[in-house]
Amino acid sequence: RVEVRAPATIANLGIGFDVLGMAFE
């Protein structure tokens, strides 16, 4: 058995439509 944590992310970051993405804590 394992516990997995998967983070929220933001795509685009304003200027980078469909090419930028960032993970949040």
PDB file of all heavy atoms in Angstrom:
ATOM      1  N   ARG A   1       0.839  -1.186   0.000  1.00  0.00           N
ATOM      2  CA  ARG A   1       0.000   0.000   0.000  1.00  0.00           C
ATOM      3  C   ARG A   1       0.883   1.247   0.000  1.00  0.00           C
ATOM      4  O   ARG A   1       1.921   1.285   0.668  1.00  0.00           O
ATOM      5  CB  ARG A   1      -0.940   0.036   1.212  1.00  0.00           C
ATOM      6  CG  ARG A   1      -1.952  -1.091   1.269  1.00  0.00           C
ATOM      7  CD  ARG A   1      -2.874  -0.940   2.482  1.00  0.00           C
ATOM      8  NE  ARG A   1      -3.715   0.238   2.351  1.00  0.00           N
ATOM      9  CZ  ARG A   1      -3.962   1.114   3.330  1.00  0.00           C
ATOM     10  NH1 ARG A   1      -3.389   0.964   4.514  1.00  0.00           N
ATOM     11  NH2 ARG A   1      -4.754   2.137   3.127  1.00  0.00           N
ATOM     12  N   VAL A   2       0.452   2.262  -0.740  1.00  0.00           N
ATOM     13  CA  VAL A   2       1.181   3.532  -0.766  1.00  0.00           C
ATOM     14  C   VAL A   2       0.192   4.689  -0.643  1.00  0.00           C
ATOM     15  O   VAL A   2      -0.981   4.572  -1.012  1.00  0.00           O
ATOM     16  CB  VAL A   2       2.015   3.707  -2.055  1.00  0.00           C
ATOM     17  CG1 VAL A   2       3.126   2.668  -2.131  1.00  0.00           C
ATOM     18  CG2 VAL A   2       1.137   3.666  -3.296  1.00  0.00           C
ATOM     19  N   GLU A   3       0.710   5.782  -0.122  1.00  0.00           N
ATOM     20  CA  GLU A   3      -0.044   7.043  -0.096  1.00  0.00           C
ATOM     21  C   GLU A   3       0.615   7.993  -1.084  1.00  0.00           C
ATOM     22  O   GLU A   3       1.837   8.200  -1.050  1.00  0.00           O
ATOM     23  CB  GLU A   3      -0.015   7.661   1.298  1.00  0.00           C
ATOM     24  CG  GLU A   3      -0.728   9.009   1.381  1.00  0.00           C
ATOM     25  CD  GLU A   3      -0.483   9.706   2.705  1.00  0.00           C
ATOM     26  OE1 GLU A   3      -1.232   9.435   3.653  1.00  0.00           O
ATOM     27  OE2 GLU A   3       0.476  10.507   2.773  1.00  0.00           O
ATOM     28  N   VAL A   4      -0.185   8.585  -1.956  1.00  0.00           N
ATOM     29  CA  VAL A   4       0.324   9.457  -3.015  1.00  0.00           C
ATOM     30  C   VAL A   4      -0.281  10.847  -2.854  1.00  0.00           C
ATOM     31  O   VAL A   4      -1.478  10.981  -2.590  1.00  0.00           O
ATOM     32  CB  VAL A   4      -0.039   8.884  -4.406  1.00  0.00           C
ATOM     33  CG1 VAL A   4       0.404   9.838  -5.508  1.00  0.00           C
ATOM     34  CG2 VAL A   4       0.595   7.513  -4.593  1.00  0.00           C
ATOM     35  N   ARG A   5       0.554  11.870  -3.009  1.00  0.00           N
ATOM     36  CA  ARG A   5       0.065  13.250  -2.997  1.00  0.00           C
ATOM     37  C   ARG A   5       0.347  13.896  -4.343  1.00  0.00           C
ATOM     38  O   ARG A   5       1.498  13.927  -4.798  1.00  0.00           O
ATOM     39  CB  ARG A   5       0.730  14.057  -1.884  1.00  0.00           C
ATOM     40  CG  ARG A   5       0.237  13.698  -0.492  1.00  0.00           C
ATOM     41  CD  ARG A   5       0.782  14.657   0.547  1.00  0.00           C
ATOM     42  NE  ARG A   5       0.192  14.419   1.861  1.00  0.00           N
ATOM     43  CZ  ARG A   5       0.408  15.177   2.928  1.00  0.00           C
ATOM     44  NH1 ARG A   5       1.234  16.223   2.838  1.00  0.00           N
ATOM     45  NH2 ARG A   5      -0.168  14.901   4.077  1.00  0.00           N
ATOM     46  N   ALA A   6      -0.708  14.430  -4.961  1.00  0.00           N
ATOM     47  CA  ALA A   6      -0.592  15.054  -6.280  1.00  0.00           C
ATOM     48  C   ALA A   6      -0.997  16.522  -6.177  1.00  0.00           C
ATOM     49  O   ALA A   6      -2.097  16.833  -5.703  1.00  0.00           O
ATOM     50  CB  ALA A   6      -1.477  14.329  -7.285  1.00  0.00           C
ATOM     51  N   PRO A   7      -0.143  17.445  -6.607  1.00  0.00           N
ATOM     52  CA  PRO A   7      -0.371  18.865  -6.319  1.00  0.00           C
ATOM     53  C   PRO A   7      -1.297  19.572  -7.305  1.00  0.00           C
ATOM     54  O   PRO A   7      -1.490  19.146  -8.446  1.00  0.00           O
ATOM     55  CB  PRO A   7       1.043  19.451  -6.437  1.00  0.00           C
ATOM     56  CG  PRO A   7       1.677  18.617  -7.507  1.00  0.00           C
ATOM     57  CD  PRO A   7       1.144  17.222  -7.267  1.00  0.00           C
ATOM     58  N   ALA A   8      -1.835  20.696  -6.839  1.00  0.00           N
ATOM     59  CA  ALA A   8      -2.520  21.634  -7.720  1.00  0.00           C
ATOM     60  C   ALA A   8      -1.504  22.234  -8.681  1.00  0.00           C
ATOM     61  O   ALA A   8      -0.303  22.310  -8.384  1.00  0.00           O
ATOM     62  CB  ALA A   8      -3.175  22.745  -6.901  1.00  0.00           C
ATOM     63  N   THR A   9      -1.999  22.659  -9.826  1.00  0.00           N
ATOM     64  CA  THR A   9      -1.131  23.293 -10.818  1.00  0.00           C
ATOM     65  C   THR A   9      -1.835  24.493 -11.441  1.00  0.00           C
ATOM     66  O   THR A   9      -3.067  24.566 -11.464  1.00  0.00           O
ATOM     67  CB  THR A   9      -0.749  22.313 -11.946  1.00  0.00           C
ATOM     68  OG1 THR A   9      -1.941  21.721 -12.491  1.00  0.00           O
ATOM     69  CG2 THR A   9       0.164  21.214 -11.426  1.00  0.00           C
ATOM     70  N   ILE A  10      -1.040  25.408 -11.943  1.00  0.00           N
ATOM     71  CA  ILE A  10      -1.560  26.526 -12.725  1.00  0.00           C
ATOM     72  C   ILE A  10      -0.992  26.412 -14.126  1.00  0.00           C
ATOM     73  O   ILE A  10       0.221  26.223 -14.300  1.00  0.00           O
ATOM     74  CB  ILE A  10      -1.206  27.891 -12.094  1.00  0.00           C
ATOM     75  CG1 ILE A  10      -1.657  29.043 -13.014  1.00  0.00           C
ATOM     76  CG2 ILE A  10       0.275  28.004 -11.773  1.00  0.00           C
ATOM     77  CD1 ILE A  10      -1.433  30.430 -12.431  1.00  0.00           C
ATOM     78  N   ALA A  11      -1.860  26.493 -15.121  1.00  0.00           N
ATOM     79  CA  ALA A  11      -1.417  26.500 -16.513  1.00  0.00           C
ATOM     80  C   ALA A  11      -1.466  27.925 -17.056  1.00  0.00           C
ATOM     81  O   ALA A  11      -2.207  28.773 -16.562  1.00  0.00           O
ATOM     82  CB  ALA A  11      -2.306  25.584 -17.357  1.00  0.00           C
ATOM     83  N   ASN A  12      -0.651  28.169 -18.061  1.00  0.00           N
ATOM     84  CA  ASN A  12      -0.595  29.421 -18.826  1.00  0.00           C
ATOM     85  C   ASN A  12       0.255  30.506 -18.153  1.00  0.00           C
ATOM     86  O   ASN A  12       1.069  31.131 -18.799  1.00  0.00           O
ATOM     87  CB  ASN A  12      -1.980  30.002 -19.123  1.00  0.00           C
ATOM     88  CG  ASN A  12      -2.880  29.034 -19.855  1.00  0.00           C
ATOM     89  OD1 ASN A  12      -2.415  28.062 -20.449  1.00  0.00           O
ATOM     90  ND2 ASN A  12      -4.183  29.287 -19.823  1.00  0.00           N
ATOM     91  N   LEU A  13       0.034  30.784 -16.853  1.00  0.00           N
ATOM     92  CA  LEU A  13       0.738  31.862 -16.161  1.00  0.00           C
ATOM     93  C   LEU A  13       0.677  33.181 -16.933  1.00  0.00           C
ATOM     94  O   LEU A  13       1.660  33.898 -17.084  1.00  0.00           O
ATOM     95  CB  LEU A  13       2.200  31.475 -15.864  1.00  0.00           C
ATOM     96  CG  LEU A  13       2.354  30.453 -14.732  1.00  0.00           C
ATOM     97  CD1 LEU A  13       2.407  29.039 -15.292  1.00  0.00           C
ATOM     98  CD2 LEU A  13       3.605  30.714 -13.907  1.00  0.00           C
ATOM     99  N   GLY A  14      -0.471  33.460 -17.478  1.00  0.00           N
ATOM    100  CA  GLY A  14      -0.691  34.712 -18.188  1.00  0.00           C
ATOM    101  C   GLY A  14      -0.186  34.685 -19.602  1.00  0.00           C
ATOM    102  O   GLY A  14      -0.970  34.627 -20.559  1.00  0.00           O
ATOM    103  N   ILE A  15       1.106  34.691 -19.781  1.00  0.00           N
ATOM    104  CA  ILE A  15       1.697  34.858 -21.105  1.00  0.00           C
ATOM    105  C   ILE A  15       1.921  33.540 -21.849  1.00  0.00           C
ATOM    106  O   ILE A  15       2.141  33.542 -23.053  1.00  0.00           O
ATOM    107  CB  ILE A  15       3.045  35.624 -20.990  1.00  0.00           C
ATOM    108  CG1 ILE A  15       3.568  36.080 -22.360  1.00  0.00           C
ATOM    109  CG2 ILE A  15       4.088  34.779 -20.260  1.00  0.00           C
ATOM    110  CD1 ILE A  15       2.637  36.992 -23.106  1.00  0.00           C
ATOM    111  N   GLY A  16       1.823  32.390 -21.167  1.00  0.00           N
ATOM    112  CA  GLY A  16       2.245  31.129 -21.786  1.00  0.00           C
ATOM    113  C   GLY A  16       1.106  30.173 -22.063  1.00  0.00           C
ATOM    114  O   GLY A  16       1.109  29.041 -21.562  1.00  0.00           O
ATOM    115  N   PHE A  17       0.129  30.576 -22.861  1.00  0.00           N
ATOM    116  CA  PHE A  17      -1.043  29.748 -23.134  1.00  0.00           C
ATOM    117  C   PHE A  17      -0.640  28.384 -23.688  1.00  0.00           C
ATOM    118  O   PHE A  17       0.014  28.280 -24.723  1.00  0.00           O
ATOM    119  CB  PHE A  17      -1.962  30.456 -24.132  1.00  0.00           C
ATOM    120  CG  PHE A  17      -3.181  29.663 -24.516  1.00  0.00           C
ATOM    121  CD1 PHE A  17      -4.160  29.392 -23.578  1.00  0.00           C
ATOM    122  CD2 PHE A  17      -3.330  29.185 -25.803  1.00  0.00           C
ATOM    123  CE1 PHE A  17      -5.294  28.658 -23.928  1.00  0.00           C
ATOM    124  CE2 PHE A  17      -4.451  28.453 -26.162  1.00  0.00           C
ATOM    125  CZ  PHE A  17      -5.434  28.182 -25.221  1.00  0.00           C
ATOM    126  N   ASP A  18      -1.027  27.341 -22.954  1.00  0.00           N
ATOM    127  CA  ASP A  18      -0.794  25.939 -23.333  1.00  0.00           C
ATOM    128  C   ASP A  18       0.679  25.532 -23.367  1.00  0.00           C
ATOM    129  O   ASP A  18       0.998  24.419 -23.784  1.00  0.00           O
ATOM    130  CB  ASP A  18      -1.439  25.607 -24.686  1.00  0.00           C
ATOM    131  CG  ASP A  18      -2.914  25.260 -24.564  1.00  0.00           C
ATOM    132  OD1 ASP A  18      -3.464  25.337 -23.452  1.00  0.00           O
ATOM    133  OD2 ASP A  18      -3.526  24.917 -25.594  1.00  0.00           O
ATOM    134  N   VAL A  19       1.597  26.415 -22.937  1.00  0.00           N
ATOM    135  CA  VAL A  19       3.014  26.034 -22.965  1.00  0.00           C
ATOM    136  C   VAL A  19       3.711  26.189 -21.608  1.00  0.00           C
ATOM    137  O   VAL A  19       4.867  25.796 -21.479  1.00  0.00           O
ATOM    138  CB  VAL A  19       3.813  26.821 -24.040  1.00  0.00           C
ATOM    139  CG1 VAL A  19       3.256  26.554 -25.424  1.00  0.00           C
ATOM    140  CG2 VAL A  19       3.840  28.314 -23.742  1.00  0.00           C
ATOM    141  N   LEU A  20       3.022  26.758 -20.609  1.00  0.00           N
ATOM    142  CA  LEU A  20       3.615  26.904 -19.282  1.00  0.00           C
ATOM    143  C   LEU A  20       2.713  26.268 -18.237  1.00  0.00           C
ATOM    144  O   LEU A  20       1.482  26.369 -18.315  1.00  0.00           O
ATOM    145  CB  LEU A  20       3.822  28.384 -18.919  1.00  0.00           C
ATOM    146  CG  LEU A  20       4.881  29.163 -19.686  1.00  0.00           C
ATOM    147  CD1 LEU A  20       4.844  30.634 -19.255  1.00  0.00           C
ATOM    148  CD2 LEU A  20       6.278  28.586 -19.475  1.00  0.00           C
ATOM    149  N   GLY A  21       3.323  25.618 -17.257  1.00  0.00           N
ATOM    150  CA  GLY A  21       2.583  25.059 -16.137  1.00  0.00           C
ATOM    151  C   GLY A  21       3.459  25.011 -14.900  1.00  0.00           C
ATOM    152  O   GLY A  21       4.671  24.772 -14.995  1.00  0.00           O
ATOM    153  N   MET A  22       2.855  25.231 -13.732  1.00  0.00           N
ATOM    154  CA  MET A  22       3.602  25.248 -12.475  1.00  0.00           C
ATOM    155  C   MET A  22       2.826  24.484 -11.408  1.00  0.00           C
ATOM    156  O   MET A  22       1.600  24.577 -11.322  1.00  0.00           O
ATOM    157  CB  MET A  22       3.821  26.687 -12.002  1.00  0.00           C
ATOM    158  CG  MET A  22       4.524  26.816 -10.650  1.00  0.00           C
ATOM    159  SD  MET A  22       4.523  28.526 -10.041  1.00  0.00           S
ATOM    160  CE  MET A  22       5.760  29.242 -11.120  1.00  0.00           C
ATOM    161  N   ALA A  23       3.552  23.745 -10.575  1.00  0.00           N
ATOM    162  CA  ALA A  23       2.949  23.036  -9.451  1.00  0.00           C
ATOM    163  C   ALA A  23       3.005  23.889  -8.192  1.00  0.00           C
ATOM    164  O   ALA A  23       3.948  24.658  -7.985  1.00  0.00           O
ATOM    165  CB  ALA A  23       3.681  21.720  -9.210  1.00  0.00           C
ATOM    166  N   PHE A  24       1.973  23.745  -7.343  1.00  0.00           N
ATOM    167  CA  PHE A  24       1.917  24.441  -6.061  1.00  0.00           C
ATOM    168  C   PHE A  24       2.063  23.445  -4.913  1.00  0.00           C
ATOM    169  O   PHE A  24       1.681  22.280  -5.032  1.00  0.00           O
ATOM    170  CB  PHE A  24       0.583  25.176  -5.897  1.00  0.00           C
ATOM    171  CG  PHE A  24       0.427  26.405  -6.751  1.00  0.00           C
ATOM    172  CD1 PHE A  24      -0.718  26.601  -7.502  1.00  0.00           C
ATOM    173  CD2 PHE A  24       1.410  27.375  -6.777  1.00  0.00           C
ATOM    174  CE1 PHE A  24      -0.874  27.732  -8.276  1.00  0.00           C
ATOM    175  CE2 PHE A  24       1.272  28.517  -7.548  1.00  0.00           C
ATOM    176  CZ  PHE A  24       0.115  28.705  -8.302  1.00  0.00           C
ATOM    177  N   GLU A  25       2.568  23.932  -3.781  1.00  0.00           N
ATOM    178  CA  GLU A  25       2.666  23.084  -2.588  1.00  0.00           C
ATOM    179  C   GLU A  25       1.291  22.736  -2.020  1.00  0.00           C
ATOM    180  O   GLU A  25       1.067  21.636  -1.525  1.00  0.00           O
ATOM    181  CB  GLU A  25       3.505  23.785  -1.513  1.00  0.00           C
ATOM    182  CG  GLU A  25       4.983  23.870  -1.853  1.00  0.00           C
ATOM    183  CD  GLU A  25       5.799  24.492  -0.734  1.00  0.00           C
ATOM    184  OE1 GLU A  25       5.187  25.006   0.236  1.00  0.00           O
ATOM    185  OE2 GLU A  25       7.035  24.482  -0.822  1.00  0.00           O
TER     186      GLU A  25
END
